[in-house]
Amino acid sequence: MSCRPWETSRSECKTRGRFRAAYRCRVRTFRFALTASHARSADAWVELARRAEKLGYSSLLVPDHLTQQLSPIAAMATAAAATSSLRIGGFVFANDFRHPLMLAREAATLDLLSDGRLELGLGAGWRTADYRQLGITYDAPGRRIDRLVESTGLVKRLLSGETVTHAGAHYQLGAARVWPRPIQQPHPPIIMGGGGPRMLRLAAREADIVGFIPQFSRRGRPILTDVSEAALDRKIAIVREAAGDRIGRLELNLFIVDAGLVGSGEPVGRSLLAAAKLASVGLVGSPYFLYGTLSALREQLERRRERSGISYYAIRQGSMEAMAPLVAALAGR
């Protein structure tokens, strides 16, 4: 995993007279992912990946749904082949669609062929339409997470080179092995995230990158009361408690639903639209939307990082160009 040094030490916090717990003082540099899922052609997809790399995005993350989107594994491999430093990842692979042995095998190959640039996203699955198309039961969250818990352990063991024989509640393996071995050892960095307490605790214990999203209902719909900054702070507190001594090794990620800069030099219509969205979102105070001037957003993200440790932002494909100035201002700092 590409990790940067901590910027602030515990002793420095003490000398400033602002002693906090260690996890409050250890701050990672900012990085930004582009979440992308569609292109008109191979050339357009390659150009998108190269443009993201040129603008300073650190990674290209592809969702895993049965919507009108590119198939993630092929899209990730193509993006990796067209770039030299851009990391690739699933955001996130739905566990119920992908057997852990097969996913581990795909992940190992992707990591090898990308020269160690894979970020492996693992999730329990949430989109009811995907389950309907596949003809499989959309179980209650607890049961889906049970399967993910078992699968995550198997994926980690397989990627680390272990020969796995396993007879569990949900999966059975007989002397299973993965070849080739991934370049990143013991395994590529794992992204796990969620909005509910159990998923967040699992991510805190098992992942390298913990992502925060709004919580979803049992019907697979986002819970609107869960999109505030206060709700995000509660999620972060859950992760800190569950991670224990691991907290200093975790990178915290936030998924941005929509974003736009006011006064960014883009056409007036776009700037006005961003300003209008800023006014409406300002009433909610949701961290999952980024609207404002460059200086205001920079200050907002720096304050949030100081308070909560979030340093990794996932920006959607449609906002890539609009948010390029913010990426240029903060990435690597």
C-alpha atoms as a PDB file:
ATOM      1  CA  MET A   1       0.000   0.000   0.000  1.00  0.00           C
ATOM      2  CA  SER A   2       1.268   3.449  -0.856  1.00  0.00           C
ATOM      3  CA  CYS A   3       1.474   5.162   2.544  1.00  0.00           C
ATOM      4  CA  ARG A   4       2.829   8.609   3.308  1.00  0.00           C
ATOM      5  CA  PRO A   5       4.499   9.625   6.592  1.00  0.00           C
ATOM      6  CA  TRP A   6       2.463  11.092   9.382  1.00  0.00           C
ATOM      7  CA  GLU A   7       2.701  14.868   9.353  1.00  0.00           C
ATOM      8  CA  THR A   8       2.125  15.621  13.004  1.00  0.00           C
ATOM      9  CA  SER A   9       3.569  13.842  16.013  1.00  0.00           C
ATOM     10  CA  ARG A  10       2.112  13.333  19.478  1.00  0.00           C
ATOM     11  CA  SER A  11       4.926  15.349  21.054  1.00  0.00           C
ATOM     12  CA  GLU A  12       4.251  18.317  18.764  1.00  0.00           C
ATOM     13  CA  CYS A  13       0.627  18.338  19.880  1.00  0.00           C
ATOM     14  CA  LYS A  14       1.729  18.435  23.504  1.00  0.00           C
ATOM     15  CA  THR A  15       4.119  21.332  22.963  1.00  0.00           C
ATOM     16  CA  ARG A  16       1.376  23.332  21.296  1.00  0.00           C
ATOM     17  CA  GLY A  17      -0.673  22.902  24.444  1.00  0.00           C
ATOM     18  CA  ARG A  18      -3.320  20.962  22.530  1.00  0.00           C
ATOM     19  CA  PHE A  19      -2.804  17.392  23.722  1.00  0.00           C
ATOM     20  CA  ARG A  20      -5.154  14.923  22.088  1.00  0.00           C
ATOM     21  CA  ALA A  21      -5.306  11.173  21.754  1.00  0.00           C
ATOM     22  CA  ALA A  22      -2.684   9.747  19.384  1.00  0.00           C
ATOM     23  CA  TYR A  23      -5.168   9.129  16.599  1.00  0.00           C
ATOM     24  CA  ARG A  24      -6.131  12.804  16.624  1.00  0.00           C
ATOM     25  CA  CYS A  25      -2.534  13.873  16.109  1.00  0.00           C
ATOM     26  CA  ARG A  26      -1.498  11.471  13.381  1.00  0.00           C
ATOM     27  CA  VAL A  27      -2.529  12.963  10.069  1.00  0.00           C
ATOM     28  CA  ARG A  28      -2.131  11.452   6.606  1.00  0.00           C
ATOM     29  CA  THR A  29      -1.606  13.560   3.530  1.00  0.00           C
ATOM     30  CA  PHE A  30      -4.617  14.123   1.309  1.00  0.00           C
ATOM     31  CA  ARG A  31      -5.375  11.985  -1.696  1.00  0.00           C
ATOM     32  CA  PHE A  32      -8.332  11.750  -4.025  1.00  0.00           C
ATOM     33  CA  ALA A  33      -9.929   8.888  -5.923  1.00  0.00           C
ATOM     34  CA  LEU A  34     -12.086   9.120  -9.003  1.00  0.00           C
ATOM     35  CA  THR A  35     -15.107   6.805  -8.922  1.00  0.00           C
ATOM     36  CA  ALA A  36     -16.003   5.998 -12.514  1.00  0.00           C
ATOM     37  CA  SER A  37     -18.175   3.439 -14.237  1.00  0.00           C
ATOM     38  CA  HIS A  38     -18.931   4.340 -17.839  1.00  0.00           C
ATOM     39  CA  ALA A  39     -17.385   5.368 -21.146  1.00  0.00           C
ATOM     40  CA  ARG A  40     -18.542   5.502 -24.756  1.00  0.00           C
ATOM     41  CA  SER A  41     -15.557   3.547 -26.059  1.00  0.00           C
ATOM     42  CA  ALA A  42     -12.225   2.002 -25.151  1.00  0.00           C
ATOM     43  CA  ASP A  43     -10.456   5.209 -26.193  1.00  0.00           C
ATOM     44  CA  ALA A  44     -12.747   7.290 -23.982  1.00  0.00           C
ATOM     45  CA  TRP A  45     -12.095   5.056 -20.957  1.00  0.00           C
ATOM     46  CA  VAL A  46      -8.345   5.154 -21.509  1.00  0.00           C
ATOM     47  CA  GLU A  47      -8.450   8.929 -21.878  1.00  0.00           C
ATOM     48  CA  LEU A  48     -10.448   9.235 -18.646  1.00  0.00           C
ATOM     49  CA  ALA A  49      -7.872   7.187 -16.730  1.00  0.00           C
ATOM     50  CA  ARG A  50      -4.959   9.144 -18.148  1.00  0.00           C
ATOM     51  CA  ARG A  51      -6.701  12.446 -17.473  1.00  0.00           C
ATOM     52  CA  ALA A  52      -7.374  11.453 -13.853  1.00  0.00           C
ATOM     53  CA  GLU A  53      -3.709  10.550 -13.420  1.00  0.00           C
ATOM     54  CA  LYS A  54      -2.582  13.839 -14.977  1.00  0.00           C
ATOM     55  CA  LEU A  55      -4.892  15.870 -12.717  1.00  0.00           C
ATOM     56  CA  GLY A  56      -3.416  14.267  -9.593  1.00  0.00           C
ATOM     57  CA  TYR A  57      -6.070  11.741  -8.632  1.00  0.00           C
ATOM     58  CA  SER A  58      -4.346   8.868  -6.880  1.00  0.00           C
ATOM     59  CA  SER A  59      -6.752   6.090  -7.830  1.00  0.00           C
ATOM     60  CA  LEU A  60      -9.583   5.055 -10.121  1.00  0.00           C
ATOM     61  CA  LEU A  61     -12.317   3.120  -8.322  1.00  0.00           C
ATOM     62  CA  VAL A  62     -15.055   1.221 -10.159  1.00  0.00           C
ATOM     63  CA  PRO A  63     -18.373   0.189  -8.540  1.00  0.00           C
ATOM     64  CA  ASP A  64     -19.761  -3.338  -8.792  1.00  0.00           C
ATOM     65  CA  HIS A  65     -23.405  -3.191  -9.865  1.00  0.00           C
ATOM     66  CA  LEU A  66     -25.559  -4.663 -12.619  1.00  0.00           C
ATOM     67  CA  THR A  67     -26.497  -1.243 -13.948  1.00  0.00           C
ATOM     68  CA  GLN A  68     -25.447   0.440 -17.191  1.00  0.00           C
ATOM     69  CA  GLN A  69     -21.788   0.455 -16.247  1.00  0.00           C
ATOM     70  CA  LEU A  70     -18.553  -1.157 -17.325  1.00  0.00           C
ATOM     71  CA  SER A  71     -17.711  -4.498 -15.794  1.00  0.00           C
ATOM     72  CA  PRO A  72     -15.271  -3.560 -13.035  1.00  0.00           C
ATOM     73  CA  ILE A  73     -12.461  -6.087 -13.439  1.00  0.00           C
ATOM     74  CA  ALA A  74     -11.986  -5.503 -17.166  1.00  0.00           C
ATOM     75  CA  ALA A  75     -12.297  -1.738 -16.670  1.00  0.00           C
ATOM     76  CA  MET A  76      -9.714  -1.738 -13.893  1.00  0.00           C
ATOM     77  CA  ALA A  77      -7.240  -3.795 -15.909  1.00  0.00           C
ATOM     78  CA  THR A  78      -7.608  -1.494 -18.925  1.00  0.00           C
ATOM     79  CA  ALA A  79      -7.087   1.628 -16.803  1.00  0.00           C
ATOM     80  CA  ALA A  80      -3.993   0.139 -15.187  1.00  0.00           C
ATOM     81  CA  ALA A  81      -2.505  -0.766 -18.561  1.00  0.00           C
ATOM     82  CA  ALA A  82      -3.019   2.792 -19.816  1.00  0.00           C
ATOM     83  CA  THR A  83      -1.388   4.533 -16.829  1.00  0.00           C
ATOM     84  CA  SER A  84       1.794   4.284 -14.781  1.00  0.00           C
ATOM     85  CA  SER A  85       0.999   5.519 -11.271  1.00  0.00           C
ATOM     86  CA  LEU A  86      -2.792   5.563 -11.007  1.00  0.00           C
ATOM     87  CA  ARG A  87      -4.052   2.991  -8.505  1.00  0.00           C
ATOM     88  CA  ILE A  88      -7.112   0.892  -9.371  1.00  0.00           C
ATOM     89  CA  GLY A  89      -9.816  -0.617  -7.216  1.00  0.00           C
ATOM     90  CA  GLY A  90     -13.302  -2.001  -6.879  1.00  0.00           C
ATOM     91  CA  PHE A  91     -15.591   0.276  -4.883  1.00  0.00           C
ATOM     92  CA  VAL A  92     -16.621  -2.223  -3.704  1.00  0.00           C
ATOM     93  CA  PHE A  93     -16.930  -5.809  -4.878  1.00  0.00           C
ATOM     94  CA  ALA A  94     -20.253  -7.229  -3.712  1.00  0.00           C
ATOM     95  CA  ASN A  95     -19.488 -10.353  -1.715  1.00  0.00           C
ATOM     96  CA  ASP A  96     -22.676 -12.219  -2.598  1.00  0.00           C
ATOM     97  CA  PHE A  97     -21.822 -12.039  -6.313  1.00  0.00           C
ATOM     98  CA  ARG A  98     -18.225 -13.216  -6.007  1.00  0.00           C
ATOM     99  CA  HIS A  99     -16.899 -16.382  -4.388  1.00  0.00           C
ATOM    100  CA  PRO A 100     -13.875 -15.547  -2.182  1.00  0.00           C
ATOM    101  CA  LEU A 101     -11.545 -17.943  -4.022  1.00  0.00           C
ATOM    102  CA  MET A 102     -12.433 -16.505  -7.418  1.00  0.00           C
ATOM    103  CA  LEU A 103     -12.212 -12.912  -6.160  1.00  0.00           C
ATOM    104  CA  ALA A 104      -8.827 -13.547  -4.522  1.00  0.00           C
ATOM    105  CA  ARG A 105      -7.560 -15.009  -7.796  1.00  0.00           C
ATOM    106  CA  GLU A 106      -8.746 -11.994  -9.794  1.00  0.00           C
ATOM    107  CA  ALA A 107      -7.281  -9.614  -7.210  1.00  0.00           C
ATOM    108  CA  ALA A 108      -3.891 -11.305  -7.255  1.00  0.00           C
ATOM    109  CA  THR A 109      -3.733 -11.127 -11.052  1.00  0.00           C
ATOM    110  CA  LEU A 110      -4.835  -7.487 -11.104  1.00  0.00           C
ATOM    111  CA  ASP A 111      -2.196  -6.581  -8.536  1.00  0.00           C
ATOM    112  CA  LEU A 112       0.531  -8.373 -10.478  1.00  0.00           C
ATOM    113  CA  LEU A 113      -0.410  -6.917 -13.857  1.00  0.00           C
ATOM    114  CA  SER A 114      -0.791  -3.393 -12.444  1.00  0.00           C
ATOM    115  CA  ASP A 115       2.634  -3.624 -10.786  1.00  0.00           C
ATOM    116  CA  GLY A 116       1.174  -3.469  -7.282  1.00  0.00           C
ATOM    117  CA  ARG A 117      -1.455  -0.748  -7.731  1.00  0.00           C
ATOM    118  CA  LEU A 118      -4.602  -2.552  -6.565  1.00  0.00           C
ATOM    119  CA  GLU A 119      -6.899  -1.397  -3.772  1.00  0.00           C
ATOM    120  CA  LEU A 120      -9.301  -4.261  -3.047  1.00  0.00           C
ATOM    121  CA  GLY A 121     -12.763  -3.105  -2.027  1.00  0.00           C
ATOM    122  CA  LEU A 122     -14.946  -5.633  -0.195  1.00  0.00           C
ATOM    123  CA  GLY A 123     -18.603  -5.132   0.705  1.00  0.00           C
ATOM    124  CA  ALA A 124     -21.707  -7.050   1.722  1.00  0.00           C
ATOM    125  CA  GLY A 125     -23.847  -5.903  -1.226  1.00  0.00           C
ATOM    126  CA  TRP A 126     -26.773  -3.513  -0.854  1.00  0.00           C
ATOM    127  CA  ARG A 127     -28.488  -2.777  -4.168  1.00  0.00           C
ATOM    128  CA  THR A 128     -31.726  -4.747  -4.293  1.00  0.00           C
ATOM    129  CA  ALA A 129     -31.990  -4.543  -8.093  1.00  0.00           C
ATOM    130  CA  ASP A 130     -28.709  -6.434  -8.448  1.00  0.00           C
ATOM    131  CA  TYR A 131     -30.058  -9.290  -6.357  1.00  0.00           C
ATOM    132  CA  ARG A 132     -33.298  -9.296  -8.308  1.00  0.00           C
ATOM    133  CA  GLN A 133     -31.462  -9.592 -11.639  1.00  0.00           C
ATOM    134  CA  LEU A 134     -29.287 -12.401 -10.312  1.00  0.00           C
ATOM    135  CA  GLY A 135     -32.300 -14.220  -8.903  1.00  0.00           C
ATOM    136  CA  ILE A 136     -30.794 -14.517  -5.431  1.00  0.00           C
ATOM    137  CA  THR A 137     -32.349 -13.653  -2.095  1.00  0.00           C
ATOM    138  CA  TYR A 138     -31.715 -10.218  -0.639  1.00  0.00           C
ATOM    139  CA  ASP A 139     -31.131 -11.327   2.926  1.00  0.00           C
ATOM    140  CA  ALA A 140     -31.245  -9.129   6.012  1.00  0.00           C
ATOM    141  CA  PRO A 141     -28.097  -7.043   6.597  1.00  0.00           C
ATOM    142  CA  GLY A 142     -26.886  -9.254   9.441  1.00  0.00           C
ATOM    143  CA  ARG A 143     -26.852 -12.370   7.281  1.00  0.00           C
ATOM    144  CA  ARG A 144     -25.123 -10.614   4.385  1.00  0.00           C
ATOM    145  CA  ILE A 145     -22.483  -9.280   6.753  1.00  0.00           C
ATOM    146  CA  ASP A 146     -22.035 -12.757   8.268  1.00  0.00           C
ATOM    147  CA  ARG A 147     -21.078 -14.016   4.818  1.00  0.00           C
ATOM    148  CA  LEU A 148     -18.728 -11.071   4.290  1.00  0.00           C
ATOM    149  CA  VAL A 149     -16.956 -11.734   7.603  1.00  0.00           C
ATOM    150  CA  GLU A 150     -16.234 -15.322   6.606  1.00  0.00           C
ATOM    151  CA  SER A 151     -15.282 -14.379   3.049  1.00  0.00           C
ATOM    152  CA  THR A 152     -12.897 -11.597   4.127  1.00  0.00           C
ATOM    153  CA  GLY A 153     -10.870 -13.978   6.244  1.00  0.00           C
ATOM    154  CA  LEU A 154     -10.612 -16.420   3.348  1.00  0.00           C
ATOM    155  CA  VAL A 155      -9.573 -13.745   0.839  1.00  0.00           C
ATOM    156  CA  LYS A 156      -6.819 -12.539   3.153  1.00  0.00           C
ATOM    157  CA  ARG A 157      -5.494 -16.045   3.758  1.00  0.00           C
ATOM    158  CA  LEU A 158      -5.501 -16.885   0.063  1.00  0.00           C
ATOM    159  CA  LEU A 159      -3.770 -13.660  -0.995  1.00  0.00           C
ATOM    160  CA  SER A 160      -1.076 -14.175   1.632  1.00  0.00           C
ATOM    161  CA  GLY A 161      -0.125 -17.473  -0.023  1.00  0.00           C
ATOM    162  CA  GLU A 162      -1.796 -19.911   2.318  1.00  0.00           C
ATOM    163  CA  THR A 163      -3.272 -23.180   1.117  1.00  0.00           C
ATOM    164  CA  VAL A 164      -6.762 -23.050   2.567  1.00  0.00           C
ATOM    165  CA  THR A 165      -9.029 -25.897   3.592  1.00  0.00           C
ATOM    166  CA  HIS A 166     -12.162 -24.513   5.153  1.00  0.00           C
ATOM    167  CA  ALA A 167     -15.590 -25.747   6.162  1.00  0.00           C
ATOM    168  CA  GLY A 168     -17.604 -22.789   7.381  1.00  0.00           C
ATOM    169  CA  ALA A 169     -21.195 -21.718   7.689  1.00  0.00           C
ATOM    170  CA  HIS A 170     -21.205 -20.207   4.190  1.00  0.00           C
ATOM    171  CA  TYR A 171     -18.095 -21.368   2.301  1.00  0.00           C
ATOM    172  CA  GLN A 172     -16.213 -24.608   1.850  1.00  0.00           C
ATOM    173  CA  LEU A 173     -12.716 -24.792   0.339  1.00  0.00           C
ATOM    174  CA  GLY A 174     -10.526 -27.812  -0.243  1.00  0.00           C
ATOM    175  CA  ALA A 175      -6.761 -27.174  -0.392  1.00  0.00           C
ATOM    176  CA  ALA A 176      -7.436 -23.939  -2.306  1.00  0.00           C
ATOM    177  CA  ARG A 177      -4.539 -21.782  -3.465  1.00  0.00           C
ATOM    178  CA  VAL A 178      -4.158 -18.584  -5.446  1.00  0.00           C
ATOM    179  CA  TRP A 179      -1.601 -18.026  -8.188  1.00  0.00           C
ATOM    180  CA  PRO A 180      -0.004 -15.702  -9.074  1.00  0.00           C
ATOM    181  CA  ARG A 181       0.906 -14.080  -5.777  1.00  0.00           C
ATOM    182  CA  PRO A 182       0.048 -10.379  -5.555  1.00  0.00           C
ATOM    183  CA  ILE A 183       2.945  -7.944  -5.470  1.00  0.00           C
ATOM    184  CA  GLN A 184       1.623  -6.172  -2.371  1.00  0.00           C
ATOM    185  CA  GLN A 185       2.085  -8.378   0.654  1.00  0.00           C
ATOM    186  CA  PRO A 186       0.579  -9.819   2.727  1.00  0.00           C
ATOM    187  CA  HIS A 187      -2.246  -8.616   0.455  1.00  0.00           C
ATOM    188  CA  PRO A 188      -3.272  -5.477  -1.441  1.00  0.00           C
ATOM    189  CA  PRO A 189      -4.779  -2.800   0.810  1.00  0.00           C
ATOM    190  CA  ILE A 190      -8.395  -3.649   1.563  1.00  0.00           C
ATOM    191  CA  ILE A 191     -11.135  -1.014   1.399  1.00  0.00           C
ATOM    192  CA  MET A 192     -14.196  -1.683   3.506  1.00  0.00           C
ATOM    193  CA  GLY A 193     -16.820   0.782   4.517  1.00  0.00           C
ATOM    194  CA  GLY A 194     -20.394   1.371   5.384  1.00  0.00           C
ATOM    195  CA  GLY A 195     -22.887   3.376   7.299  1.00  0.00           C
ATOM    196  CA  GLY A 196     -24.082   0.928   9.930  1.00  0.00           C
ATOM    197  CA  PRO A 197     -22.252   0.136  13.194  1.00  0.00           C
ATOM    198  CA  ARG A 198     -21.531  -3.513  12.442  1.00  0.00           C
ATOM    199  CA  MET A 199     -19.987  -2.845   9.026  1.00  0.00           C
ATOM    200  CA  LEU A 200     -17.912  -0.022  10.469  1.00  0.00           C
ATOM    201  CA  ARG A 201     -16.623  -2.255  13.266  1.00  0.00           C
ATOM    202  CA  LEU A 202     -15.743  -4.956  10.764  1.00  0.00           C
ATOM    203  CA  ALA A 203     -13.899  -2.424   8.598  1.00  0.00           C
ATOM    204  CA  ALA A 204     -12.024  -1.104  11.636  1.00  0.00           C
ATOM    205  CA  ARG A 205     -10.795  -4.609  12.456  1.00  0.00           C
ATOM    206  CA  GLU A 206     -10.095  -5.968   8.960  1.00  0.00           C
ATOM    207  CA  ALA A 207      -9.508  -3.152   6.458  1.00  0.00           C
ATOM    208  CA  ASP A 208      -6.608  -0.873   5.632  1.00  0.00           C
ATOM    209  CA  ILE A 209      -8.877   1.847   4.254  1.00  0.00           C
ATOM    210  CA  VAL A 210     -12.197   2.554   5.988  1.00  0.00           C
ATOM    211  CA  GLY A 211     -14.826   4.275   3.880  1.00  0.00           C
ATOM    212  CA  PHE A 212     -17.802   6.214   5.213  1.00  0.00           C
ATOM    213  CA  ILE A 213     -21.161   6.326   3.428  1.00  0.00           C
ATOM    214  CA  PRO A 214     -24.722   6.998   4.605  1.00  0.00           C
ATOM    215  CA  GLN A 215     -26.462   4.021   6.185  1.00  0.00           C
ATOM    216  CA  PHE A 216     -28.931   2.072   4.047  1.00  0.00           C
ATOM    217  CA  SER A 217     -32.317   0.735   5.057  1.00  0.00           C
ATOM    218  CA  ARG A 218     -33.295  -2.932   4.916  1.00  0.00           C
ATOM    219  CA  ARG A 219     -34.734  -2.191   1.472  1.00  0.00           C
ATOM    220  CA  GLY A 220     -31.384  -0.933   0.210  1.00  0.00           C
ATOM    221  CA  ARG A 221     -32.222   2.780   0.304  1.00  0.00           C
ATOM    222  CA  PRO A 222     -30.086   5.522   1.916  1.00  0.00           C
ATOM    223  CA  ILE A 223     -31.387   6.820   5.247  1.00  0.00           C
ATOM    224  CA  LEU A 224     -31.628  10.593   4.831  1.00  0.00           C
ATOM    225  CA  THR A 225     -31.265  11.280   8.549  1.00  0.00           C
ATOM    226  CA  ASP A 226     -27.807   9.686   8.385  1.00  0.00           C
ATOM    227  CA  VAL A 227     -26.135  12.235   6.085  1.00  0.00           C
ATOM    228  CA  SER A 228     -25.123  14.939   8.586  1.00  0.00           C
ATOM    229  CA  GLU A 229     -21.670  15.864   9.867  1.00  0.00           C
ATOM    230  CA  ALA A 230     -22.749  14.802  13.361  1.00  0.00           C
ATOM    231  CA  ALA A 231     -23.729  11.368  12.051  1.00  0.00           C
ATOM    232  CA  LEU A 232     -20.311  11.076  10.389  1.00  0.00           C
ATOM    233  CA  ASP A 233     -18.609  11.955  13.670  1.00  0.00           C
ATOM    234  CA  ARG A 234     -20.524   9.141  15.364  1.00  0.00           C
ATOM    235  CA  LYS A 235     -19.360   6.690  12.706  1.00  0.00           C
ATOM    236  CA  ILE A 236     -15.745   7.779  13.164  1.00  0.00           C
ATOM    237  CA  ALA A 237     -16.066   7.258  16.921  1.00  0.00           C
ATOM    238  CA  ILE A 238     -17.311   3.702  16.287  1.00  0.00           C
ATOM    239  CA  VAL A 239     -14.298   2.998  14.070  1.00  0.00           C
ATOM    240  CA  ARG A 240     -11.831   4.407  16.568  1.00  0.00           C
ATOM    241  CA  GLU A 241     -13.210   2.310  19.383  1.00  0.00           C
ATOM    242  CA  ALA A 242     -13.325  -0.882  17.322  1.00  0.00           C
ATOM    243  CA  ALA A 243      -9.872  -0.382  15.781  1.00  0.00           C
ATOM    244  CA  GLY A 244      -8.054   0.041  19.072  1.00  0.00           C
ATOM    245  CA  ASP A 245      -4.319   0.017  18.425  1.00  0.00           C
ATOM    246  CA  ARG A 246      -4.944  -0.341  14.667  1.00  0.00           C
ATOM    247  CA  ILE A 247      -6.325   3.183  14.355  1.00  0.00           C
ATOM    248  CA  GLY A 248      -2.939   4.672  13.517  1.00  0.00           C
ATOM    249  CA  ARG A 249      -2.611   2.340  10.530  1.00  0.00           C
ATOM    250  CA  LEU A 250      -6.012   3.081   9.021  1.00  0.00           C
ATOM    251  CA  GLU A 251      -6.671   5.491   6.194  1.00  0.00           C
ATOM    252  CA  LEU A 252     -10.113   7.104   6.402  1.00  0.00           C
ATOM    253  CA  ASN A 253     -12.096   7.652   3.216  1.00  0.00           C
ATOM    254  CA  LEU A 254     -15.250   9.656   2.472  1.00  0.00           C
ATOM    255  CA  PHE A 255     -17.496   9.066  -0.541  1.00  0.00           C
ATOM    256  CA  ILE A 256     -18.667  12.303  -2.158  1.00  0.00           C
ATOM    257  CA  VAL A 257     -22.079  12.087  -3.805  1.00  0.00           C
ATOM    258  CA  ASP A 258     -21.732  15.349  -5.720  1.00  0.00           C
ATOM    259  CA  ALA A 259     -19.308  18.258  -5.860  1.00  0.00           C
ATOM    260  CA  GLY A 260     -18.720  21.593  -7.557  1.00  0.00           C
ATOM    261  CA  LEU A 261     -16.632  24.744  -7.207  1.00  0.00           C
ATOM    262  CA  VAL A 262     -18.095  28.234  -7.004  1.00  0.00           C
ATOM    263  CA  GLY A 263     -16.063  30.831  -8.885  1.00  0.00           C
ATOM    264  CA  SER A 264     -13.843  28.153 -10.399  1.00  0.00           C
ATOM    265  CA  GLY A 265     -13.514  29.828 -13.776  1.00  0.00           C
ATOM    266  CA  GLU A 266     -15.859  27.302 -15.398  1.00  0.00           C
ATOM    267  CA  PRO A 267     -18.844  28.512 -17.488  1.00  0.00           C
ATOM    268  CA  VAL A 268     -21.160  30.802 -15.535  1.00  0.00           C
ATOM    269  CA  GLY A 269     -24.021  28.298 -15.633  1.00  0.00           C
ATOM    270  CA  ARG A 270     -21.988  25.644 -13.861  1.00  0.00           C
ATOM    271  CA  SER A 271     -20.748  28.082 -11.248  1.00  0.00           C
ATOM    272  CA  LEU A 272     -24.298  29.268 -10.565  1.00  0.00           C
ATOM    273  CA  LEU A 273     -25.493  25.681 -10.291  1.00  0.00           C
ATOM    274  CA  ALA A 274     -22.759  24.912  -7.770  1.00  0.00           C
ATOM    275  CA  ALA A 275     -23.719  28.026  -5.801  1.00  0.00           C
ATOM    276  CA  ALA A 276     -27.388  26.963  -5.780  1.00  0.00           C
ATOM    277  CA  LYS A 277     -26.459  23.490  -4.584  1.00  0.00           C
ATOM    278  CA  LEU A 278     -24.241  25.019  -1.912  1.00  0.00           C
ATOM    279  CA  ALA A 279     -27.221  26.948  -0.558  1.00  0.00           C
ATOM    280  CA  SER A 280     -29.469  23.881  -0.416  1.00  0.00           C
ATOM    281  CA  VAL A 281     -26.849  21.515   0.980  1.00  0.00           C
ATOM    282  CA  GLY A 282     -25.777  24.124   3.499  1.00  0.00           C
ATOM    283  CA  LEU A 283     -29.111  23.638   5.235  1.00  0.00           C
ATOM    284  CA  VAL A 284     -28.355  19.964   5.695  1.00  0.00           C
ATOM    285  CA  GLY A 285     -24.656  20.305   6.412  1.00  0.00           C
ATOM    286  CA  SER A 286     -23.901  16.998   4.739  1.00  0.00           C
ATOM    287  CA  PRO A 287     -20.239  15.958   4.421  1.00  0.00           C
ATOM    288  CA  TYR A 288     -21.139  13.801   1.403  1.00  0.00           C
ATOM    289  CA  PHE A 289     -21.502  16.919  -0.778  1.00  0.00           C
ATOM    290  CA  LEU A 290     -18.718  19.369  -1.592  1.00  0.00           C
ATOM    291  CA  TYR A 291     -19.856  22.778  -2.857  1.00  0.00           C
ATOM    292  CA  GLY A 292     -18.124  26.087  -2.309  1.00  0.00           C
ATOM    293  CA  THR A 293     -15.167  28.217  -3.274  1.00  0.00           C
ATOM    294  CA  LEU A 294     -11.749  26.640  -3.515  1.00  0.00           C
ATOM    295  CA  SER A 295     -10.501  28.387  -0.386  1.00  0.00           C
ATOM    296  CA  ALA A 296     -13.605  27.439   1.607  1.00  0.00           C
ATOM    297  CA  LEU A 297     -13.433  23.776   0.593  1.00  0.00           C
ATOM    298  CA  ARG A 298      -9.719  23.596   1.286  1.00  0.00           C
ATOM    299  CA  GLU A 299     -10.276  24.984   4.768  1.00  0.00           C
ATOM    300  CA  GLN A 300     -13.217  22.626   5.323  1.00  0.00           C
ATOM    301  CA  LEU A 301     -11.236  19.511   4.403  1.00  0.00           C
ATOM    302  CA  GLU A 302      -8.237  20.585   6.457  1.00  0.00           C
ATOM    303  CA  ARG A 303     -10.440  21.195   9.500  1.00  0.00           C
ATOM    304  CA  ARG A 304     -12.152  17.831   9.083  1.00  0.00           C
ATOM    305  CA  ARG A 305      -8.820  16.052   8.774  1.00  0.00           C
ATOM    306  CA  GLU A 306      -7.553  17.731  11.927  1.00  0.00           C
ATOM    307  CA  ARG A 307     -10.713  16.784  13.798  1.00  0.00           C
ATOM    308  CA  SER A 308     -11.434  13.318  12.437  1.00  0.00           C
ATOM    309  CA  GLY A 309      -8.481  12.074  10.421  1.00  0.00           C
ATOM    310  CA  ILE A 310     -10.309  11.791   7.067  1.00  0.00           C
ATOM    311  CA  SER A 311      -7.783  12.376   4.295  1.00  0.00           C
ATOM    312  CA  TYR A 312      -8.985  10.282   1.323  1.00  0.00           C
ATOM    313  CA  TYR A 313     -11.917  11.507  -0.776  1.00  0.00           C
ATOM    314  CA  ALA A 314     -13.737   9.626  -3.533  1.00  0.00           C
ATOM    315  CA  ILE A 315     -15.004  12.040  -6.215  1.00  0.00           C
ATOM    316  CA  ARG A 316     -17.559  10.916  -8.790  1.00  0.00           C
ATOM    317  CA  GLN A 317     -16.777  10.854 -12.503  1.00  0.00           C
ATOM    318  CA  GLY A 318     -18.975  13.818 -13.403  1.00  0.00           C
ATOM    319  CA  SER A 319     -17.106  16.088 -10.983  1.00  0.00           C
ATOM    320  CA  MET A 320     -13.566  15.145 -12.031  1.00  0.00           C
ATOM    321  CA  GLU A 321     -12.733  18.315 -13.928  1.00  0.00           C
ATOM    322  CA  ALA A 322     -14.644  20.650 -11.617  1.00  0.00           C
ATOM    323  CA  MET A 323     -12.746  19.417  -8.562  1.00  0.00           C
ATOM    324  CA  ALA A 324      -9.331  19.386 -10.235  1.00  0.00           C
ATOM    325  CA  PRO A 325      -8.294  22.685  -8.577  1.00  0.00           C
ATOM    326  CA  LEU A 326      -9.042  21.233  -5.139  1.00  0.00           C
ATOM    327  CA  VAL A 327      -7.069  18.086  -5.979  1.00  0.00           C
ATOM    328  CA  ALA A 328      -4.158  20.222  -7.155  1.00  0.00           C
ATOM    329  CA  ALA A 329      -4.302  22.311  -3.969  1.00  0.00           C
ATOM    330  CA  LEU A 330      -4.413  19.441  -1.468  1.00  0.00           C
ATOM    331  CA  ALA A 331      -3.165  16.148  -2.943  1.00  0.00           C
ATOM    332  CA  GLY A 332       0.004  15.044  -1.212  1.00  0.00           C
ATOM    333  CA  ARG A 333      -0.210  17.800   1.422  1.00  0.00           C
END
